Structures are given as structure tokens and as C-alpha cells.
Amino acid sequence: MRRYFTTIWILVATVLICASLMNAGAGSEARAKSHLGEPRCGSPSPRLPQSQSQQAQAQHVQRMVAVTVDDLPGAVPGNDFALGDLKQLQKLNRDNPAILRAHQVPAIGFVNEYKLQVKGERDARAALLQSWLDAGLTLGDHTYAHDDFQTTPLDKFEDETIRGEVVSRVLMRAAGQTEKYFRHPYLDTGPTPEAKAAFEAFLKAHGYTVAPVTLEDADYVFNDVLEQAYEKKDKKLAEKTRKAYLDYVDTVFDYAENTSRTVFGRAIPQVLLIHDNELNTECLDALLTKLEKRGYTFIPLAQALADPAYDTPDNYIGADGISWILRWSLALGKHVDFKAGPEPPDWANKIFDQMRKERQGTPQT
């Protein structure tokens, strides 16, 4: 059917062999050795029972959030297309699923299967995805190589979607799951109305639902800055970065909550976008604790999408990957100030921009 059939069958055979050799006991041991007990992002306080005022607030405003994690099996600092070091990726995909599981977060991880294709490491890299399924989580399609729909022809973008589901579908089927969700790289949903509509029809025909995003916390910016701090052995910058990240999380949630009330007159279930990166191995525990203290319940993506707000049309066409709350605002005829949303600190953006200028590459497909 497609020019990738030979590659697909080789991959399926490889993964099936890998799955048959996996030792569940070894996987459990690896998760047990995760660094959850080590000092983390700002050494957050232990999760304490909510005060009466916090409980009253949570009962008055039911806050729910679905957590989605992009760029599995690992977002490498400075370069969206870097394959990453296997040992580092093993750490990411041991720690991040373990933290999510510890907080009982039914998260979904969106995969770029291009990052599995390293000679001599394919089985080990497929096992990185298996660790998410073993933790009771699920997977989604993020295209094969994280191509941008804005600059990618429709037929190639469709091919990249099919090519990006091969290993995930085999692993999920073995775990009794079905791949259902697609996340656009860069949240770019199409360069023209025609291309957008055609791709949405393609997704529907292949059983996919678009995974929208109502807020993102720019963790990719802070992750790059943290990497520079480590490279320069700058402990003060590392600590400053972790603190700024968690402060920014509060800012973006304040903004999303206020915007939801403005657009819909009520709180809606949020969909949070974060990445499978080093920053979150250090800060995800603190981030989730922070959300719990804000009164949030963690829900599956399907439950968030069942809210009527998510039936609002998304008619946005543009090069900026804006949140769905802003897209819905436009569809409902409300004024949208694209510059009103929060931004990371200037010093962090400056380091991020410089690192991307120096390191950003293209996929070697």
C-alpha cells in the first residue's frame, strides 16, 4: 500500500521478538530503583492532606486535568530531532512513568518512532515505550519524525503518521490497548483550510482523534536551560531554572483557568502538554504535587474530551501552534489577544534561542 511496507514488517518482527524476550520482573526492579527518593525540583514538601479551605475550594470548583507527554522516547535538549543517548533515555523512561504512576496520573505519551531507529538499539528503544505500558499508561501517535505540517506536503504528512504508529500499535495490542489519539507536532494543524480538513478526514478514517492542548508549560525551554547549566556545572543556574519552571507552571494554570471562565463561563477540564525530558525527571513530582494542591484531579484524555467545550469547532489556520482555548475563542467570535498569554522569563528564552540556533537539526529519515 505504501512505500514503507518493507520497513514496517521488519519493525513488527523485531518488536514481537523483543516483546517475547522481555522480563517483567526486571522491569519492576528497574522501576523500584527510580530516584523518587532523591532531592528533586526545589525538594517539594511531602503531599499533605488538604486544609479545610483547600477542600472547600476543590468542592466548589471541580478542577480536572489530563496530562499528555510529547516526544517519546525522549526530548533531547537543543534539538527536536536528536536520537538521544540510550542510557539517558532509559533514565527518562524509567523515572517519568514512575512519577506519573506514583501520583495516579492516567497519562498518555505521544511517540516519534524515528527515535527508535538506531542500529543495534532497536529492541532496547522499543522497550522504552513498553515501560510506559507497564506503568499502566498509554501511547499515541506524534508522527514518525516530528515533521511540521506547516511545511510538509499533505501526502507526506499522512505517510509520516502511518509510519509513526508501527511499533506502538504492536506493543499496545499486546497490552490489550488500541492506539486512538494523534498529536500534531508543534500543534500545527495545517497550512490551509483544505489541507487541515483533508488530514482530519484521514485521521478519522484511521481511527484517530486529535489530542488538543489547552495549556503548555514551556518545559522544553527550561529543559534546554537546565542542560546548559549542567554543561557549565552552574549549580545556581540549575536551581534558578527549576524554581522558575515551577513558578511558570502556576502562571500558565492561572491564565488557562481565567481564560476558560471568560470563554465558557466555567471551569473546564484542562489538557496539559509536557515533554519526556530530563527537567521532568527532576520536577514532575513537584509539578504534580502543585496541581494536587490547586485542587486538580488527574483524568484520562478521553474524559476531558467528553466535556462539551471540546465540541467547539477549531477553525484556526496559522503558523503559530496556539492552544485550543484560543482556537475556541476565535470560533465563538471572541476577541483574542495572542500576546496576552504568559511567556517564560527573558533570560530563559535567550538561552533557549541560542541553543536552538546552535544545535537544532533535521531528521535523518
Protein backbone atom coordinates (compact mmCIF):
# COMPACT_ATOMS: atom_id res chain seq x y z
CA MET A 1 0.00 0.00 0.00
CA ARG A 2 2.78 2.38 0.90
CA ARG A 3 6.47 2.52 0.17
CA TYR A 4 7.24 1.79 3.82
CA PHE A 5 5.85 -1.76 3.89
CA THR A 6 9.26 -3.42 3.94
CA THR A 7 10.37 -1.26 6.86
CA ILE A 8 7.08 -1.87 8.66
CA TRP A 9 7.29 -5.66 8.55
CA ILE A 10 10.91 -5.67 9.65
CA LEU A 11 9.97 -3.43 12.59
CA VAL A 12 6.97 -5.55 13.57
CA ALA A 13 9.07 -8.72 13.57
CA THR A 14 11.75 -7.00 15.64
CA VAL A 15 9.28 -5.74 18.22
CA LEU A 16 7.48 -9.07 18.53
CA ILE A 17 10.78 -10.79 19.22
CA CYS A 18 11.65 -8.06 21.71
CA ALA A 19 8.30 -8.41 23.49
CA SER A 20 8.72 -12.16 23.86
CA LEU A 21 12.10 -11.70 25.50
CA MET A 22 11.09 -9.01 27.97
CA ASN A 23 11.37 -9.95 31.60
CA ALA A 24 8.59 -8.37 33.64
CA GLY A 25 10.49 -8.90 36.87
CA ALA A 26 13.48 -6.95 35.58
CA GLY A 27 11.17 -4.12 34.55
CA SER A 28 9.64 -3.98 38.01
CA GLU A 29 13.09 -3.92 39.59
CA ALA A 30 14.16 -1.03 37.38
CA ARG A 31 11.08 0.97 38.37
CA ALA A 32 11.69 0.20 42.01
CA LYS A 33 15.15 1.72 41.67
CA SER A 34 13.81 5.03 40.31
CA HIS A 35 15.14 8.14 42.03
CA LEU A 36 11.85 9.19 43.58
CA GLY A 37 13.52 9.35 46.98
CA GLU A 38 16.26 11.75 45.90
CA PRO A 39 16.01 15.56 46.26
CA ARG A 40 14.03 16.94 43.34
CA CYS A 41 12.87 20.20 41.86
CA GLY A 42 13.07 22.51 44.85
CA SER A 43 12.72 19.49 47.18
CA PRO A 44 8.90 19.80 47.34
CA SER A 45 7.17 19.22 50.63
CA PRO A 46 5.56 15.81 51.17
CA ARG A 47 1.96 15.61 49.93
CA LEU A 48 -0.10 16.60 52.97
CA PRO A 49 -3.86 16.34 53.50
CA GLN A 50 -5.69 19.38 52.14
CA SER A 51 -6.74 22.05 54.61
CA GLN A 52 -10.46 22.70 55.09
CA SER A 53 -10.23 25.81 52.91
CA GLN A 54 -8.49 23.86 50.13
CA GLN A 55 -11.09 21.10 50.34
CA ALA A 56 -13.91 23.64 50.18
CA GLN A 57 -12.35 25.30 47.16
CA ALA A 58 -11.88 21.98 45.39
CA GLN A 59 -15.54 21.08 46.06
CA HIS A 60 -16.74 24.47 44.84
CA VAL A 61 -14.73 24.38 41.59
CA GLN A 62 -14.15 20.91 40.22
CA ARG A 63 -10.73 21.07 38.62
CA MET A 64 -9.62 18.30 36.29
CA VAL A 65 -6.59 17.91 34.05
CA ALA A 66 -5.43 15.30 31.55
CA VAL A 67 -1.65 15.04 31.35
CA THR A 68 -0.13 14.39 27.92
CA VAL A 69 3.58 13.84 27.34
CA ASP A 70 5.16 14.52 23.94
CA ASP A 71 8.28 13.31 22.11
CA LEU A 72 8.70 9.80 23.50
CA PRO A 73 11.11 8.11 23.83
CA GLY A 74 12.85 11.31 24.84
CA ALA A 75 13.08 15.04 24.10
CA VAL A 76 16.77 15.90 23.78
CA PRO A 77 17.87 19.43 24.74
CA GLY A 78 18.52 21.81 21.85
CA ASN A 79 17.33 19.58 19.02
CA ASP A 80 13.85 18.20 18.36
CA PHE A 81 15.27 15.54 16.06
CA ALA A 82 18.23 14.21 18.06
CA LEU A 83 18.04 10.47 18.71
CA GLY A 84 19.47 10.76 22.20
CA ASP A 85 21.80 8.57 24.25
CA LEU A 86 20.24 5.21 25.13
CA LYS A 87 21.30 5.25 28.79
CA GLN A 88 19.87 8.73 29.25
CA LEU A 89 16.63 7.72 27.53
CA GLN A 90 16.37 4.69 29.79
CA LYS A 91 16.54 7.02 32.77
CA LEU A 92 13.84 9.31 31.34
CA ASN A 93 11.51 6.44 30.59
CA ARG A 94 12.09 4.82 33.95
CA ASP A 95 11.63 7.94 36.07
CA ASN A 96 8.85 9.84 34.31
CA PRO A 97 6.38 6.91 34.11
CA ALA A 98 7.19 6.03 37.73
CA ILE A 99 6.39 9.57 38.90
CA LEU A 100 3.14 9.63 36.95
CA ARG A 101 2.17 6.28 38.40
CA ALA A 102 3.01 7.40 41.94
CA HIS A 103 0.54 10.28 41.54
CA GLN A 104 -2.04 8.04 39.85
CA VAL A 105 -1.97 10.08 36.65
CA PRO A 106 -3.55 8.25 33.66
CA ALA A 107 -1.21 9.97 31.22
CA ILE A 108 -0.66 9.38 27.52
CA GLY A 109 2.74 9.56 25.84
CA PHE A 110 2.98 10.67 22.20
CA VAL A 111 5.68 8.89 20.25
CA ASN A 112 8.11 9.79 17.46
CA GLU A 113 9.15 6.32 16.28
CA TYR A 114 12.05 7.77 14.27
CA LYS A 115 13.92 7.82 17.57
CA LEU A 116 13.67 4.03 17.81
CA GLN A 117 15.66 3.51 14.63
CA VAL A 118 19.23 3.21 15.91
CA LYS A 119 21.24 0.27 14.65
CA GLY A 120 21.91 -2.24 17.40
CA GLU A 121 19.48 -0.48 19.79
CA ARG A 122 16.06 -1.05 18.23
CA ASP A 123 14.93 -3.64 20.77
CA ALA A 124 16.19 -1.58 23.70
CA ARG A 125 14.48 1.52 22.39
CA ALA A 126 11.19 -0.30 21.80
CA ALA A 127 11.46 -1.35 25.44
CA LEU A 128 11.39 2.33 26.40
CA LEU A 129 7.81 2.52 25.11
CA GLN A 130 6.99 -0.75 26.86
CA SER A 131 7.92 0.87 30.17
CA TRP A 132 5.01 3.30 29.75
CA LEU A 133 2.57 0.48 29.12
CA ASP A 134 3.98 -1.47 32.06
CA ALA A 135 3.24 1.56 34.25
CA GLY A 136 -0.42 1.42 33.22
CA LEU A 137 -0.12 4.37 30.83
CA THR A 138 -0.95 4.56 27.13
CA LEU A 139 0.60 5.80 23.89
CA GLY A 140 -0.36 7.99 20.95
CA ASP A 141 0.97 8.96 17.50
CA HIS A 142 3.11 12.11 17.18
CA THR A 143 4.22 11.31 13.59
CA TYR A 144 7.33 9.37 12.73
CA ALA A 145 9.87 12.21 12.72
CA HIS A 146 8.14 15.25 14.28
CA ASP A 147 7.69 17.00 10.94
CA ASP A 148 5.88 20.34 10.86
CA PHE A 149 2.58 20.21 8.96
CA GLN A 150 3.06 23.86 8.02
CA THR A 151 5.98 22.92 5.75
CA THR A 152 5.20 19.27 4.97
CA PRO A 153 3.01 18.26 1.99
CA LEU A 154 -0.24 16.55 2.93
CA ASP A 155 0.62 13.19 1.36
CA LYS A 156 3.96 13.03 3.17
CA PHE A 157 2.37 14.07 6.47
CA GLU A 158 -0.13 11.24 6.10
CA ASP A 159 2.72 8.82 5.37
CA GLU A 160 4.58 10.07 8.45
CA THR A 161 1.51 9.38 10.56
CA ILE A 162 1.21 5.76 9.37
CA ARG A 163 4.94 5.26 9.66
CA GLY A 164 4.83 6.60 13.20
CA GLU A 165 2.38 4.04 14.55
CA VAL A 166 4.05 0.72 13.69
CA VAL A 167 5.88 -0.26 16.89
CA SER A 168 3.41 1.48 19.20
CA ARG A 169 0.45 -0.43 17.77
CA VAL A 170 2.18 -3.79 18.18
CA LEU A 171 3.13 -3.09 21.79
CA MET A 172 -0.29 -1.67 22.63
CA ARG A 173 -2.09 -4.61 21.07
CA ALA A 174 -0.02 -6.98 23.21
CA ALA A 175 -1.03 -4.91 26.26
CA GLY A 176 -4.72 -5.05 25.32
CA GLN A 177 -4.82 -1.43 24.19
CA THR A 178 -5.71 0.37 20.96
CA GLU A 179 -3.96 3.47 19.67
CA LYS A 180 -6.59 6.21 19.44
CA TYR A 181 -5.01 9.66 19.65
CA PHE A 182 -2.89 11.85 17.40
CA ARG A 183 -0.92 14.92 18.48
CA HIS A 184 0.26 17.41 15.85
CA PRO A 185 3.95 18.34 16.18
CA TYR A 186 4.28 22.00 17.17
CA LEU A 187 0.44 21.98 17.46
CA ASP A 188 0.40 22.95 13.79
CA THR A 189 -2.89 21.60 12.44
CA GLY A 190 -2.47 22.58 8.80
CA PRO A 191 -1.25 25.32 6.45
CA THR A 192 -4.59 25.78 4.65
CA PRO A 193 -8.26 25.01 5.38
CA GLU A 194 -8.19 22.38 2.64
CA ALA A 195 -5.11 20.59 3.98
CA LYS A 196 -6.44 20.72 7.52
CA ALA A 197 -9.83 19.28 6.53
CA ALA A 198 -8.24 16.57 4.39
CA PHE A 199 -5.92 15.45 7.18
CA GLU A 200 -8.73 15.43 9.74
CA ALA A 201 -10.69 13.15 7.39
CA PHE A 202 -7.60 10.94 7.06
CA LEU A 203 -7.29 10.69 10.85
CA LYS A 204 -10.96 9.79 11.24
CA ALA A 205 -10.66 7.10 8.58
CA HIS A 206 -7.73 5.58 10.50
CA GLY A 207 -9.48 5.66 13.87
CA TYR A 208 -7.65 8.64 15.34
CA THR A 209 -8.90 11.54 17.44
CA VAL A 210 -6.89 14.76 17.61
CA ALA A 211 -5.42 15.38 21.06
CA PRO A 212 -5.94 19.08 21.75
CA VAL A 213 -3.95 21.18 24.22
CA THR A 214 -5.41 23.85 26.46
CA LEU A 215 -2.16 24.72 28.19
CA GLU A 216 1.56 24.01 27.96
CA ASP A 217 4.24 24.97 30.42
CA ALA A 218 7.21 25.60 28.06
CA ASP A 219 9.15 22.82 29.75
CA TYR A 220 11.20 22.48 26.54
CA VAL A 221 12.58 25.99 27.15
CA PHE A 222 13.54 25.28 30.74
CA ASN A 223 14.91 21.86 29.79
CA ASP A 224 17.38 23.49 27.38
CA VAL A 225 18.43 25.99 30.04
CA LEU A 226 18.90 23.22 32.59
CA GLU A 227 21.11 21.36 30.12
CA GLN A 228 23.31 24.41 29.71
CA ALA A 229 23.57 24.73 33.49
CA TYR A 230 24.74 21.12 33.71
CA GLU A 231 27.21 21.54 30.88
CA LYS A 232 28.73 24.58 32.58
CA LYS A 233 28.46 23.00 36.05
CA ASP A 234 26.47 26.06 37.11
CA LYS A 235 24.51 24.94 40.17
CA LYS A 236 22.99 28.39 40.72
CA LEU A 237 21.59 28.48 37.18
CA ALA A 238 20.22 24.96 37.57
CA GLU A 239 18.42 25.87 40.78
CA LYS A 240 17.18 29.15 39.29
CA THR A 241 15.83 27.24 36.29
CA ARG A 242 13.95 24.65 38.33
CA LYS A 243 12.36 27.34 40.50
CA ALA A 244 11.44 29.49 37.50
CA TYR A 245 9.84 26.48 35.83
CA LEU A 246 7.56 25.71 38.76
CA ASP A 247 6.67 29.38 39.16
CA TYR A 248 5.78 29.47 35.47
CA VAL A 249 3.51 26.44 35.91
CA ASP A 250 1.40 28.48 38.34
CA THR A 251 1.30 31.35 35.86
CA VAL A 252 0.09 29.24 32.93
CA PHE A 253 -2.55 27.49 35.03
CA ASP A 254 -3.82 30.85 36.31
CA TYR A 255 -4.07 32.04 32.71
CA ALA A 256 -5.81 28.89 31.43
CA GLU A 257 -8.30 28.86 34.28
CA ASN A 258 -9.16 32.54 33.81
CA THR A 259 -9.43 32.18 30.03
CA SER A 260 -11.71 29.15 30.41
CA ARG A 261 -14.06 31.15 32.59
CA THR A 262 -14.01 34.03 30.10
CA VAL A 263 -14.78 31.79 27.12
CA PHE A 264 -17.16 29.25 28.67
CA GLY A 265 -18.25 30.88 31.91
CA ARG A 266 -16.98 27.93 33.93
CA ALA A 267 -14.02 25.73 34.69
CA ILE A 268 -13.39 23.11 32.00
CA PRO A 269 -11.17 20.03 32.11
CA GLN A 270 -7.70 21.10 31.01
CA VAL A 271 -5.29 19.19 28.78
CA LEU A 272 -1.68 19.80 29.77
CA LEU A 273 1.23 19.29 27.37
CA ILE A 274 4.64 18.43 28.79
CA HIS A 275 7.61 16.54 27.33
CA ASP A 276 9.52 13.36 28.11
CA ASN A 277 12.68 15.17 29.19
CA GLU A 278 15.31 15.47 31.91
CA LEU A 279 13.68 18.51 33.51
CA ASN A 280 10.61 16.45 34.31
CA THR A 281 12.59 13.63 35.88
CA GLU A 282 13.60 16.29 38.41
CA CYS A 283 10.48 18.46 38.56
CA LEU A 284 7.46 16.39 37.58
CA ASP A 285 6.87 15.20 41.14
CA ALA A 286 6.81 18.81 42.36
CA LEU A 287 4.63 19.88 39.43
CA LEU A 288 2.01 17.21 40.09
CA THR A 289 2.09 17.97 43.82
CA LYS A 290 1.48 21.62 42.97
CA LEU A 291 -1.55 20.69 40.85
CA GLU A 292 -2.92 18.50 43.61
CA LYS A 293 -2.68 21.45 45.99
CA ARG A 294 -4.57 23.56 43.45
CA GLY A 295 -7.40 21.04 43.75
CA TYR A 296 -6.87 19.16 40.49
CA THR A 297 -7.97 15.60 39.81
CA PHE A 298 -5.99 13.75 37.14
CA ILE A 299 -8.22 12.26 34.44
CA PRO A 300 -7.75 10.31 31.19
CA LEU A 301 -7.69 12.30 27.96
CA ALA A 302 -10.99 10.68 26.89
CA GLN A 303 -12.75 12.09 29.95
CA ALA A 304 -11.52 15.61 29.20
CA LEU A 305 -12.66 15.35 25.58
CA ALA A 306 -16.13 14.29 26.72
CA ASP A 307 -16.74 17.78 28.09
CA PRO A 308 -19.00 19.87 25.78
CA ALA A 309 -16.32 22.56 25.49
CA TYR A 310 -14.28 20.17 23.32
CA ASP A 311 -17.11 20.05 20.78
CA THR A 312 -16.41 23.69 19.93
CA PRO A 313 -15.10 23.97 16.34
CA ASP A 314 -11.41 24.52 15.69
CA ASN A 315 -11.29 26.68 12.58
CA TYR A 316 -7.89 28.21 13.22
CA ILE A 317 -5.41 28.33 10.35
CA GLY A 318 -1.97 29.78 11.02
CA ALA A 319 1.70 29.11 11.57
CA ASP A 320 1.51 29.53 15.36
CA GLY A 321 0.57 26.44 17.33
CA ILE A 322 -1.86 28.16 19.66
CA SER A 323 -3.86 26.47 22.41
CA TRP A 324 -7.35 25.15 21.78
CA ILE A 325 -8.82 27.64 24.23
CA LEU A 326 -7.67 30.43 21.92
CA ARG A 327 -8.94 28.49 18.88
CA TRP A 328 -12.34 28.13 20.51
CA SER A 329 -12.35 31.82 21.41
CA LEU A 330 -11.93 32.65 17.73
CA ALA A 331 -14.67 30.20 16.73
CA LEU A 332 -17.05 31.80 19.23
CA GLY A 333 -16.31 35.27 17.90
CA LYS A 334 -14.46 36.50 20.96
CA HIS A 335 -11.53 38.89 20.85
CA VAL A 336 -8.21 37.09 21.10
CA ASP A 337 -5.00 38.86 22.09
CA PHE A 338 -2.27 36.45 21.06
CA LYS A 339 0.29 38.44 23.07
CA ALA A 340 -1.67 38.34 26.31
CA GLY A 341 -0.58 34.86 27.36
CA PRO A 342 2.34 34.23 29.71
CA GLU A 343 5.89 33.74 28.45
CA PRO A 344 8.95 32.22 30.15
CA PRO A 345 11.44 34.71 31.60
CA ASP A 346 13.50 36.64 29.07
CA TRP A 347 16.77 35.18 30.39
CA ALA A 348 15.46 31.64 29.81
CA ASN A 349 14.17 32.42 26.33
CA LYS A 350 17.53 33.95 25.41
CA ILE A 351 19.45 30.81 26.40
CA PHE A 352 16.87 28.62 24.65
CA ASP A 353 17.02 30.61 21.41
CA GLN A 354 20.81 30.48 21.33
CA MET A 355 20.93 26.74 21.99
CA ARG A 356 18.37 26.04 19.26
CA LYS A 357 20.31 28.20 16.84
CA GLU A 358 23.44 26.18 17.53
CA ARG A 359 22.00 22.66 17.77
CA GLN A 360 18.64 22.29 16.03
CA GLY A 361 18.86 19.83 13.16
CA THR A 362 16.59 17.86 10.86
CA PRO A 363 15.53 14.20 10.98
CA GLN A 364 17.76 11.79 9.06
CA THR A 365 14.91 9.83 7.52
